[in-house]
Amino acid sequence: MSRFPSLFALLGISLVGWLGVIDRRAHSAEKPNVLFIAVDDLNDWVHHLGGHPQTITPQIDALAARGVTFYNAHCAAPSCNPSRAALMTGVRPATSGVYVNSTDWRPIINQVDSIPMHFAKHGYDTAGAGKIYHGGFDRDSDWQRYAHKKGKEAAPAPGHNDGVGGIRFAPTNIGDAEMGDYATVDWCIEQLNQPHDKPFFLACGLHKPHMAWNVPQKYYDMYPLDKIVLPKVLDTDLDDVPPSGVKMARPEGDHKAIIDSGRYKEAVQGYLAAITFADAMVGRMIAALDASPHKNNTVIVLWGDHGWHLGEKLHWRKFSLWEEATRAPLIFVAPGVTQAGGVCRQPVDFMSIYPTLADLCGLPIPKHVEGPSLRPLLLDPAAAWPHVALTTWGRNNHAIRTDRRRYIRYANGEEELYDEQGDPQEWTNLAGRPEHAALKSQLAQHLPQINKPEGGDKPQDAPPQPAKSKVKGKKQAKRAKKLIQATTTVKPTE
């Protein structure tokens, strides 16, 4: 009889060990992977968003059909560096003081965990490639593995003029496989197909449709020049816009150059072609995920870092607080949470990406993160939503977007107000009408109470940065003085 207790004890120990293995596997299964796709300078000219009637984006549209697409999603800042710094760290531009491309965000927002750092601390394998942070201000220490874009920018095909002034567009005579974004996707697919003993966070940063819009000829051929539809532009659109807004628009710059050149359709063709190329790269990434064992246990989020004007309000590029500059795609596919074909029209901004990913993956949401989780809207896209979308461009210049209104207030107190349902082109500024005084006061309650100076608090104990970035930072710092005007209105820089 003495052997029976030992046998039961042995069986008990084995059972506990076996159950422990099951529990660890179950725990691992409860933590979904994350595929994080960033697309640079992609505005609402995606077919399912209806920003342009001719856009060909079957891959992004198919992804949107699998989950929830946010029809009224907006960036934290209409420029690469402040938008990405805010999205990745959870700290808004007004809180950090990172407003423009020339500000090195790293020594300023250095006391909080970025998205990949947070996931790594909670057991995730983190890897990324391409453009996630703004070029020159990358922080590879955020990742366990990171690959920068390979290859040089594609050159225009022989015989093609590379655009008008700073608006660069032309087909290139190389193929898809020679493009930098192709190499980025290749690397991400390699990471996806590696053995994984823990959940992964994989970021794929596509550079196109950022300029130059030099993509293979076949994408230009999809948009015959004689059939190009131009954006709706009102020549008198800036007549009721205050001086701060006109200064942002710079109608005497890119727009005048494009009109004078007679190449407006060519420029639009170039942007459309670059979007469709980017769409093809998204398709490659999603196809690889679908062919992998991770298809049913991976949260997918796709976002464009901000919008882009192509003549609307007599303005080109981003760098403004109007709809075209702030609106961009945002798609979530979350197994077990989202239903196929969900469309949410509530106003959201990209500060919600960080907390939403943490929420979906069962991680705590850091206290510093300045945005609500979108999980309620992923479960029910029509759910009540008490929040607005907030975009900042330069110190104390903000836009508030609700389901129907856009309210802009500049640092010097100048205002704009638009009815997005009755006036989606934002042709009529209602801010001066007395009947809207109460509405403006209500919307102003959502403006940031903190507006840090450019560059933030400039901590003296910031960690040293690579020498290459320091050099680039010095060059960009010289340009920064030209960016901030007396009203803190900001001029563009790529």
Protein backbone atom coordinates (compact mmCIF):
# COMPACT_ATOMS: atom_id res chain seq x y z
CA MET A 1 0.00 0.00 0.00
CA SER A 2 2.90 2.29 0.54
CA ARG A 3 3.48 2.56 -3.19
CA PHE A 4 -0.02 3.88 -3.96
CA PRO A 5 0.42 7.32 -2.35
CA SER A 6 3.67 7.73 -4.26
CA LEU A 7 1.95 6.71 -7.50
CA PHE A 8 -0.93 9.12 -6.94
CA ALA A 9 1.52 11.83 -6.01
CA LEU A 10 3.49 11.15 -9.17
CA LEU A 11 0.32 11.22 -11.25
CA GLY A 12 -0.70 14.44 -9.52
CA ILE A 13 2.62 16.06 -10.27
CA SER A 14 2.43 14.94 -13.90
CA LEU A 15 -1.13 16.19 -14.20
CA VAL A 16 -0.20 19.55 -12.73
CA GLY A 17 2.72 19.83 -15.14
CA TRP A 18 0.58 18.84 -18.10
CA LEU A 19 -2.15 21.29 -17.11
CA GLY A 20 0.52 23.96 -16.76
CA VAL A 21 1.59 23.36 -20.36
CA ILE A 22 -2.03 23.59 -21.48
CA ASP A 23 -2.49 26.78 -19.48
CA ARG A 24 0.59 28.37 -21.02
CA ARG A 25 -0.57 27.40 -24.48
CA ALA A 26 -4.05 28.74 -23.76
CA HIS A 27 -2.55 31.93 -22.37
CA SER A 28 -0.42 32.28 -25.49
CA ALA A 29 -3.47 31.67 -27.67
CA GLU A 30 -5.33 34.41 -25.84
CA LYS A 31 -2.68 36.92 -26.87
CA PRO A 32 -3.22 37.64 -30.55
CA ASN A 33 -0.44 38.68 -32.83
CA VAL A 34 -0.44 42.16 -34.34
CA LEU A 35 0.22 43.12 -37.96
CA PHE A 36 0.71 46.89 -38.00
CA ILE A 37 0.66 48.44 -41.49
CA ALA A 38 1.55 52.11 -41.98
CA VAL A 39 1.07 53.77 -45.36
CA ASP A 40 2.80 57.12 -45.85
CA ASP A 41 0.86 60.14 -47.19
CA LEU A 42 -2.25 58.07 -47.98
CA ASN A 43 -5.32 60.29 -47.85
CA ASP A 44 -8.97 59.31 -48.34
CA TRP A 45 -8.41 58.53 -52.02
CA VAL A 46 -9.08 54.88 -51.27
CA HIS A 47 -11.97 53.35 -53.16
CA HIS A 48 -14.04 52.33 -50.14
CA LEU A 49 -13.68 55.82 -48.59
CA GLY A 50 -14.82 57.56 -51.77
CA GLY A 51 -12.22 60.33 -51.74
CA HIS A 52 -11.68 60.05 -55.50
CA PRO A 53 -14.00 58.29 -57.95
CA GLN A 54 -11.24 56.58 -59.95
CA THR A 55 -8.96 55.11 -57.30
CA ILE A 56 -8.09 51.44 -57.75
CA THR A 57 -7.39 49.89 -54.33
CA PRO A 58 -8.79 46.34 -54.34
CA GLN A 59 -6.46 45.04 -51.64
CA ILE A 60 -7.12 47.74 -49.05
CA ASP A 61 -10.83 47.60 -49.85
CA ALA A 62 -10.83 43.83 -49.31
CA LEU A 63 -9.09 44.31 -45.96
CA ALA A 64 -11.69 46.89 -44.94
CA ALA A 65 -14.45 44.44 -45.83
CA ARG A 66 -13.00 41.93 -43.35
CA GLY A 67 -13.32 44.19 -40.33
CA VAL A 68 -14.21 47.74 -39.35
CA THR A 69 -13.20 50.76 -41.39
CA PHE A 70 -13.33 54.16 -39.76
CA TYR A 71 -14.89 56.54 -42.23
CA ASN A 72 -14.23 59.63 -40.12
CA ALA A 73 -10.66 59.01 -38.88
CA HIS A 74 -8.07 61.79 -38.50
CA CYS A 75 -4.39 62.22 -37.74
CA ALA A 76 -2.95 63.84 -34.62
CA ALA A 77 -0.88 66.14 -36.84
CA PRO A 78 -0.85 66.65 -40.63
CA SER A 79 2.87 65.94 -41.02
CA CYS A 80 4.92 62.75 -40.89
CA ASN A 81 7.09 63.32 -37.82
CA PRO A 82 4.58 64.76 -35.32
CA SER A 83 1.85 62.38 -36.51
CA ARG A 84 3.99 59.28 -36.09
CA ALA A 85 5.65 60.40 -32.86
CA ALA A 86 2.21 60.98 -31.32
CA LEU A 87 0.67 57.77 -32.62
CA MET A 88 3.62 55.59 -31.58
CA THR A 89 4.11 57.06 -28.11
CA GLY A 90 0.53 57.99 -27.18
CA VAL A 91 1.55 61.59 -26.45
CA ARG A 92 -0.23 64.37 -28.36
CA PRO A 93 1.75 67.13 -30.09
CA ALA A 94 0.39 69.82 -27.75
CA THR A 95 1.56 67.77 -24.75
CA SER A 96 5.04 67.05 -26.12
CA GLY A 97 5.83 70.14 -28.19
CA VAL A 98 6.64 68.00 -31.24
CA TYR A 99 4.81 69.91 -33.96
CA VAL A 100 6.89 69.76 -37.16
CA ASN A 101 9.11 67.42 -39.15
CA SER A 102 12.29 69.19 -38.07
CA THR A 103 11.88 68.47 -34.34
CA ASP A 104 13.72 65.39 -33.12
CA TRP A 105 11.05 63.78 -30.96
CA ARG A 106 13.38 61.26 -29.30
CA PRO A 107 14.96 63.40 -26.58
CA ILE A 108 11.56 65.00 -25.88
CA ILE A 109 9.25 61.97 -25.56
CA ASN A 110 11.79 59.74 -23.87
CA GLN A 111 10.18 58.87 -20.55
CA VAL A 112 7.34 56.68 -21.82
CA ASP A 113 7.09 53.36 -23.63
CA SER A 114 6.23 53.40 -27.31
CA ILE A 115 3.85 50.79 -28.72
CA PRO A 116 6.55 48.20 -29.56
CA MET A 117 8.30 48.79 -26.23
CA HIS A 118 5.04 48.22 -24.37
CA PHE A 119 4.35 45.01 -26.27
CA ALA A 120 7.89 43.74 -25.76
CA LYS A 121 7.58 44.29 -22.00
CA HIS A 122 4.48 42.11 -22.03
CA GLY A 123 6.01 39.12 -23.76
CA TYR A 124 5.74 40.00 -27.44
CA ASP A 125 8.39 39.51 -30.10
CA THR A 126 8.64 42.88 -31.88
CA ALA A 127 9.96 43.51 -35.37
CA GLY A 128 9.49 46.22 -37.96
CA ALA A 129 10.65 47.45 -41.32
CA GLY A 130 10.32 50.47 -43.58
CA LYS A 131 8.89 53.80 -42.50
CA ILE A 132 7.30 53.68 -39.07
CA TYR A 133 8.94 56.73 -37.52
CA HIS A 134 9.83 59.78 -39.61
CA GLY A 135 13.08 59.31 -41.52
CA GLY A 136 16.17 60.44 -39.62
CA PHE A 137 14.39 60.18 -36.29
CA ASP A 138 14.08 56.41 -36.09
CA ARG A 139 14.69 54.71 -32.76
CA ASP A 140 15.80 51.17 -33.42
CA SER A 141 16.06 50.47 -29.70
CA ASP A 142 12.23 50.35 -29.64
CA TRP A 143 12.39 47.05 -31.51
CA GLN A 144 13.97 43.65 -31.08
CA ARG A 145 14.61 43.61 -34.84
CA TYR A 146 14.29 46.39 -37.37
CA ALA A 147 15.11 46.69 -41.07
CA HIS A 148 15.26 50.04 -42.83
CA LYS A 149 14.14 50.44 -46.42
CA LYS A 150 16.55 48.90 -48.87
CA GLY A 151 17.57 50.47 -52.16
CA LYS A 152 17.42 53.98 -53.55
CA GLU A 153 14.41 56.01 -54.60
CA ALA A 154 13.26 54.96 -58.06
CA ALA A 155 14.29 57.40 -60.78
CA PRO A 156 11.95 58.69 -63.50
CA ALA A 157 11.94 56.69 -66.70
CA PRO A 158 14.03 58.25 -69.51
CA GLY A 159 12.19 61.04 -71.27
CA HIS A 160 9.97 61.92 -68.33
CA ASN A 161 10.15 65.24 -66.52
CA ASP A 162 10.09 64.67 -62.77
CA GLY A 163 7.09 66.84 -61.92
CA VAL A 164 6.49 70.52 -61.24
CA GLY A 165 8.65 72.23 -58.62
CA GLY A 166 8.38 70.26 -55.41
CA ILE A 167 5.47 68.11 -56.65
CA ARG A 168 7.34 65.17 -58.15
CA PHE A 169 5.71 62.55 -60.35
CA ALA A 170 6.80 60.30 -63.21
CA PRO A 171 6.71 56.62 -64.06
CA THR A 172 9.87 54.61 -63.53
CA ASN A 173 11.18 51.85 -65.79
CA ILE A 174 11.92 49.38 -62.99
CA GLY A 175 9.62 46.63 -61.80
CA ASP A 176 7.80 46.13 -58.51
CA ALA A 177 10.51 43.86 -57.11
CA GLU A 178 13.11 46.63 -57.40
CA MET A 179 11.09 49.13 -55.37
CA GLY A 180 12.03 49.82 -51.76
CA ASP A 181 8.55 48.99 -50.46
CA TYR A 182 8.75 45.57 -52.11
CA ALA A 183 11.90 44.84 -50.10
CA THR A 184 10.18 46.04 -46.93
CA VAL A 185 7.28 43.64 -47.48
CA ASP A 186 9.70 40.82 -48.33
CA TRP A 187 11.47 41.29 -45.00
CA CYS A 188 8.20 41.39 -43.09
CA ILE A 189 7.03 38.20 -44.80
CA GLU A 190 10.29 36.53 -43.76
CA GLN A 191 9.66 37.56 -40.16
CA LEU A 192 6.08 36.33 -40.35
CA ASN A 193 7.21 32.92 -41.54
CA GLN A 194 9.81 32.42 -38.83
CA PRO A 195 8.96 30.00 -35.99
CA HIS A 196 7.24 31.89 -33.15
CA ASP A 197 7.19 30.64 -29.57
CA LYS A 198 5.42 33.77 -28.35
CA PRO A 199 3.01 36.31 -29.88
CA PHE A 200 4.50 38.81 -32.28
CA PHE A 201 4.07 42.50 -33.10
CA LEU A 202 5.12 43.03 -36.71
CA ALA A 203 5.17 46.53 -38.25
CA CYS A 204 5.32 47.06 -42.00
CA GLY A 205 5.92 50.69 -43.03
CA LEU A 206 5.26 51.53 -46.68
CA HIS A 207 6.78 54.70 -48.11
CA LYS A 208 4.48 55.16 -51.09
CA PRO A 209 2.39 57.12 -51.92
CA HIS A 210 4.83 59.63 -50.43
CA MET A 211 6.58 61.64 -53.13
CA ALA A 212 8.21 61.16 -55.45
CA TRP A 213 5.35 59.37 -57.19
CA ASN A 214 7.81 57.35 -59.25
CA VAL A 215 6.26 53.90 -59.57
CA PRO A 216 6.29 51.33 -62.39
CA GLN A 217 4.63 52.35 -65.65
CA LYS A 218 1.87 49.73 -65.34
CA TYR A 219 0.31 51.70 -62.47
CA TYR A 220 0.25 54.89 -64.54
CA ASP A 221 -1.36 52.92 -67.37
CA MET A 222 -4.30 52.13 -65.08
CA TYR A 223 -5.19 55.84 -65.14
CA PRO A 224 -5.34 57.14 -68.73
CA LEU A 225 -4.42 60.80 -68.67
CA ASP A 226 -7.34 61.94 -70.83
CA LYS A 227 -9.81 60.39 -68.40
CA ILE A 228 -8.39 61.79 -65.14
CA VAL A 229 -10.98 63.45 -62.91
CA LEU A 230 -9.61 66.50 -61.09
CA PRO A 231 -10.58 67.41 -57.52
CA LYS A 232 -13.33 69.98 -57.09
CA VAL A 233 -11.62 73.33 -56.62
CA LEU A 234 -13.25 76.70 -55.99
CA ASP A 235 -11.03 79.58 -57.12
CA THR A 236 -12.51 81.86 -54.45
CA ASP A 237 -12.28 79.23 -51.72
CA LEU A 238 -9.88 81.21 -49.53
CA ASP A 239 -11.89 84.43 -49.62
CA ASP A 240 -13.59 83.66 -46.29
CA VAL A 241 -10.56 81.97 -44.70
CA PRO A 242 -8.63 84.01 -42.09
CA PRO A 243 -5.00 85.02 -42.78
CA SER A 244 -3.59 82.14 -40.71
CA GLY A 245 -5.39 79.63 -42.91
CA VAL A 246 -4.37 81.39 -46.12
CA LYS A 247 -0.77 81.32 -44.94
CA MET A 248 -1.04 77.56 -44.47
CA ALA A 249 -2.61 77.12 -47.89
CA ARG A 250 0.15 79.02 -49.74
CA PRO A 251 -1.93 79.33 -52.95
CA GLU A 252 0.91 81.24 -54.60
CA GLY A 253 3.19 78.20 -54.19
CA ASP A 254 2.51 74.66 -55.36
CA HIS A 255 -1.02 75.29 -56.61
CA LYS A 256 -0.08 78.22 -58.81
CA ALA A 257 2.90 76.29 -60.17
CA ILE A 258 0.74 73.30 -61.06
CA ILE A 259 -1.96 75.42 -62.72
CA ASP A 260 0.60 77.46 -64.67
CA SER A 261 2.32 74.29 -65.86
CA GLY A 262 -0.82 72.79 -67.34
CA ARG A 263 0.10 69.45 -65.74
CA TYR A 264 -2.64 69.17 -63.11
CA LYS A 265 -3.96 65.90 -64.55
CA GLU A 266 -0.48 64.42 -64.67
CA ALA A 267 0.06 65.18 -61.00
CA VAL A 268 -3.25 63.57 -60.03
CA GLN A 269 -2.40 60.59 -62.23
CA GLY A 270 0.92 60.22 -60.41
CA TYR A 271 -0.67 60.22 -56.97
CA LEU A 272 -3.31 57.70 -58.03
CA ALA A 273 -0.63 55.46 -59.53
CA ALA A 274 1.43 55.60 -56.32
CA ILE A 275 -1.63 54.71 -54.25
CA THR A 276 -2.36 51.66 -56.40
CA PHE A 277 1.26 50.53 -56.12
CA ALA A 278 1.02 50.82 -52.32
CA ASP A 279 -2.24 48.88 -52.46
CA ALA A 280 -0.46 46.04 -54.25
CA MET A 281 2.18 45.94 -51.51
CA VAL A 282 -0.54 45.78 -48.84
CA GLY A 283 -2.03 42.88 -50.79
CA ARG A 284 1.27 40.98 -50.73
CA MET A 285 1.52 41.40 -46.97
CA ILE A 286 -2.05 40.29 -46.30
CA ALA A 287 -1.75 37.33 -48.67
CA ALA A 288 1.31 36.13 -46.75
CA LEU A 289 -0.57 36.41 -43.46
CA ASP A 290 -3.54 34.51 -44.88
CA ALA A 291 -1.22 31.73 -46.05
CA SER A 292 0.38 31.46 -42.61
CA PRO A 293 -0.81 29.63 -39.47
CA HIS A 294 -1.42 33.05 -37.88
CA LYS A 295 -4.36 34.14 -40.02
CA ASN A 296 -7.02 33.56 -37.38
CA ASN A 297 -5.06 34.86 -34.42
CA THR A 298 -3.71 38.18 -35.70
CA VAL A 299 -5.09 41.66 -35.20
CA ILE A 300 -4.53 43.77 -38.32
CA VAL A 301 -4.47 47.55 -38.23
CA LEU A 302 -3.81 49.68 -41.30
CA TRP A 303 -3.44 53.45 -41.13
CA GLY A 304 -2.27 56.35 -43.25
CA ASP A 305 -0.30 58.88 -41.23
CA HIS A 306 -2.29 61.90 -42.50
CA GLY A 307 -4.15 63.18 -45.53
CA TRP A 308 -2.95 65.06 -48.61
CA HIS A 309 -4.29 67.99 -50.62
CA LEU A 310 -4.12 68.00 -54.41
CA GLY A 311 -5.46 71.50 -55.02
CA GLU A 312 -8.44 71.53 -52.66
CA LYS A 313 -8.57 74.94 -50.96
CA LEU A 314 -5.83 75.95 -53.43
CA HIS A 315 -3.37 73.90 -51.38
CA TRP A 316 -1.03 70.97 -52.05
CA ARG A 317 0.58 68.46 -49.68
CA LYS A 318 -0.49 68.01 -46.07
CA PHE A 319 0.37 70.83 -43.61
CA SER A 320 -3.12 72.22 -42.98
CA LEU A 321 -6.09 71.73 -40.65
CA TRP A 322 -8.70 71.03 -43.33
CA GLU A 323 -10.37 67.71 -44.10
CA GLU A 324 -8.06 66.67 -46.92
CA ALA A 325 -4.98 67.00 -44.73
CA THR A 326 -6.34 65.34 -41.60
CA ARG A 327 -8.49 62.48 -42.89
CA ALA A 328 -6.81 59.17 -43.64
CA PRO A 329 -7.67 55.46 -43.70
CA LEU A 330 -7.96 53.45 -40.50
CA ILE A 331 -8.93 49.77 -40.60
CA PHE A 332 -9.06 47.19 -37.81
CA VAL A 333 -9.52 43.46 -38.26
CA ALA A 334 -9.66 41.77 -34.85
CA PRO A 335 -10.62 38.08 -34.72
CA GLY A 336 -13.44 37.48 -32.29
CA VAL A 337 -14.18 41.19 -31.97
CA THR A 338 -14.88 42.75 -35.36
CA GLN A 339 -17.55 41.66 -37.80
CA ALA A 340 -16.96 41.75 -41.54
CA GLY A 341 -18.11 44.86 -43.36
CA GLY A 342 -18.27 47.17 -40.36
CA VAL A 343 -18.29 50.90 -41.13
CA CYS A 344 -17.93 53.39 -38.29
CA ARG A 345 -18.76 57.05 -38.93
CA GLN A 346 -17.98 58.31 -35.45
CA PRO A 347 -15.10 60.84 -35.25
CA VAL A 348 -11.87 59.20 -34.12
CA ASP A 349 -8.21 60.12 -34.27
CA PHE A 350 -5.05 58.07 -34.37
CA MET A 351 -4.26 58.59 -30.70
CA SER A 352 -6.67 55.68 -30.20
CA ILE A 353 -4.49 53.17 -32.07
CA TYR A 354 -2.11 52.57 -29.14
CA PRO A 355 -4.80 51.94 -26.48
CA THR A 356 -6.94 49.89 -28.87
CA LEU A 357 -4.11 47.50 -29.69
CA ALA A 358 -3.27 47.12 -26.01
CA ASP A 359 -6.94 46.53 -25.21
CA LEU A 360 -7.40 43.92 -27.95
CA CYS A 361 -4.30 42.04 -26.82
CA GLY A 362 -5.19 42.01 -23.14
CA LEU A 363 -2.39 44.38 -22.16
CA PRO A 364 -2.77 47.25 -19.69
CA ILE A 365 -3.21 50.67 -21.28
CA PRO A 366 -0.40 52.94 -20.03
CA LYS A 367 -1.55 55.95 -18.04
CA HIS A 368 0.30 58.39 -20.31
CA VAL A 369 -1.65 57.42 -23.42
CA GLU A 370 -3.91 60.26 -24.57
CA GLY A 371 -6.67 58.48 -26.40
CA PRO A 372 -9.63 56.16 -25.77
CA SER A 373 -9.72 52.55 -26.92
CA LEU A 374 -11.85 51.93 -29.99
CA ARG A 375 -12.95 48.51 -28.77
CA PRO A 376 -16.58 49.64 -28.19
CA LEU A 377 -16.76 50.78 -31.82
CA LEU A 378 -15.12 47.60 -33.07
CA LEU A 379 -17.84 45.61 -31.34
CA ASP A 380 -20.59 47.98 -32.51
CA PRO A 381 -19.61 50.62 -35.09
CA ALA A 382 -22.80 52.55 -34.31
CA ALA A 383 -22.20 52.63 -30.54
CA ALA A 384 -22.48 55.91 -28.66
CA TRP A 385 -19.16 57.78 -28.73
CA PRO A 386 -18.63 60.92 -26.64
CA HIS A 387 -15.25 61.79 -28.17
CA VAL A 388 -14.10 64.07 -30.99
CA ALA A 389 -11.09 63.89 -33.31
CA LEU A 390 -8.35 66.41 -32.58
CA THR A 391 -5.61 67.50 -34.99
CA THR A 392 -2.80 69.93 -34.20
CA TRP A 393 -0.53 71.76 -36.64
CA GLY A 394 1.90 74.11 -34.94
CA ARG A 395 1.60 75.35 -31.40
CA ASN A 396 -1.97 76.21 -30.39
CA ASN A 397 -3.41 75.64 -33.88
CA HIS A 398 -6.08 72.94 -33.64
CA ALA A 399 -8.97 71.37 -35.52
CA ILE A 400 -11.88 69.64 -33.82
CA ARG A 401 -13.83 67.15 -35.92
CA THR A 402 -17.22 65.81 -34.84
CA ASP A 403 -19.62 63.69 -36.85
CA ARG A 404 -20.85 66.84 -38.60
CA ARG A 405 -18.60 69.80 -37.87
CA ARG A 406 -15.02 70.94 -38.26
CA TYR A 407 -13.93 73.75 -35.98
CA ILE A 408 -10.49 75.31 -36.44
CA ARG A 409 -8.95 77.79 -34.07
CA TYR A 410 -5.54 79.30 -34.63
CA ALA A 411 -3.08 80.55 -32.04
CA ASN A 412 -4.10 84.17 -32.67
CA GLY A 413 -7.81 83.41 -32.16
CA GLU A 414 -8.84 83.27 -35.83
CA GLU A 415 -11.49 80.67 -36.55
CA GLU A 416 -13.10 78.48 -39.17
CA LEU A 417 -16.26 76.40 -38.88
CA TYR A 418 -17.64 74.02 -41.50
CA ASP A 419 -20.75 71.89 -41.90
CA GLU A 420 -19.35 68.60 -43.23
CA GLN A 421 -22.74 67.22 -44.16
CA GLY A 422 -24.01 70.19 -46.14
CA ASP A 423 -20.61 71.43 -47.32
CA PRO A 424 -18.15 68.49 -47.59
CA GLN A 425 -15.72 70.59 -49.65
CA GLU A 426 -15.52 73.12 -46.80
CA TRP A 427 -16.22 76.01 -49.15
CA THR A 428 -18.21 78.11 -46.68
CA ASN A 429 -16.65 79.27 -43.40
CA LEU A 430 -19.47 79.71 -40.88
CA ALA A 431 -17.31 80.91 -37.99
CA GLY A 432 -18.33 84.57 -38.34
CA ARG A 433 -22.06 83.95 -38.12
CA PRO A 434 -23.49 84.92 -34.72
CA GLU A 435 -25.93 82.03 -34.62
CA HIS A 436 -22.98 79.64 -34.28
CA ALA A 437 -21.38 81.32 -31.25
CA ALA A 438 -22.73 78.75 -28.80
CA LEU A 439 -21.64 75.87 -31.02
CA LYS A 440 -18.11 77.24 -31.27
CA SER A 441 -17.96 77.64 -27.53
CA GLN A 442 -19.07 74.04 -27.08
CA LEU A 443 -16.50 72.71 -29.56
CA ALA A 444 -13.76 74.82 -28.00
CA GLN A 445 -14.14 72.80 -24.81
CA HIS A 446 -12.25 70.02 -26.58
CA LEU A 447 -9.18 72.15 -27.32
CA PRO A 448 -5.99 71.17 -25.44
CA GLN A 449 -5.38 73.00 -22.19
CA ILE A 450 -1.64 72.41 -22.49
CA ASN A 451 0.27 73.75 -25.49
CA LYS A 452 3.97 73.13 -24.95
CA PRO A 453 6.46 75.37 -26.77
CA GLU A 454 8.10 73.99 -29.88
CA GLY A 455 10.56 71.33 -28.80
CA GLY A 456 8.83 70.74 -25.47
CA ASP A 457 10.72 70.93 -22.21
CA LYS A 458 14.03 69.92 -23.83
CA PRO A 459 15.22 67.61 -21.02
CA GLN A 460 18.94 67.80 -20.36
CA ASP A 461 19.25 64.13 -19.44
CA ALA A 462 18.09 62.82 -22.80
CA PRO A 463 20.01 59.79 -24.08
CA PRO A 464 22.60 60.49 -26.81
CA GLN A 465 21.46 59.94 -30.38
CA PRO A 466 23.41 58.50 -33.32
CA ALA A 467 25.80 60.95 -34.93
CA LYS A 468 24.05 60.69 -38.29
CA SER A 469 20.77 61.80 -36.78
CA LYS A 470 22.48 64.66 -34.95
CA VAL A 471 23.85 65.99 -38.20
CA LYS A 472 20.52 65.74 -39.93
CA GLY A 473 18.84 67.27 -36.90
CA LYS A 474 21.12 70.31 -37.08
CA LYS A 475 20.29 70.86 -40.72
CA GLN A 476 16.57 70.54 -40.06
CA ALA A 477 16.78 72.77 -37.01
CA LYS A 478 17.96 75.62 -39.22
CA ARG A 479 14.82 75.22 -41.29
CA ALA A 480 12.62 75.09 -38.21
CA LYS A 481 12.91 78.83 -37.63
CA LYS A 482 11.32 79.39 -41.01
CA LEU A 483 8.46 77.07 -40.19
CA ILE A 484 6.99 78.86 -37.18
CA GLN A 485 5.52 82.27 -37.95
CA ALA A 486 4.48 85.03 -35.58
CA THR A 487 1.04 83.40 -35.32
CA THR A 488 2.76 80.00 -35.06
CA THR A 489 1.28 79.09 -38.41
CA VAL A 490 3.48 76.47 -40.01
CA LYS A 491 4.92 76.33 -43.50
CA PRO A 492 5.54 72.96 -45.17
CA THR A 493 8.68 70.88 -45.29
CA GLU A 494 8.97 67.31 -46.46
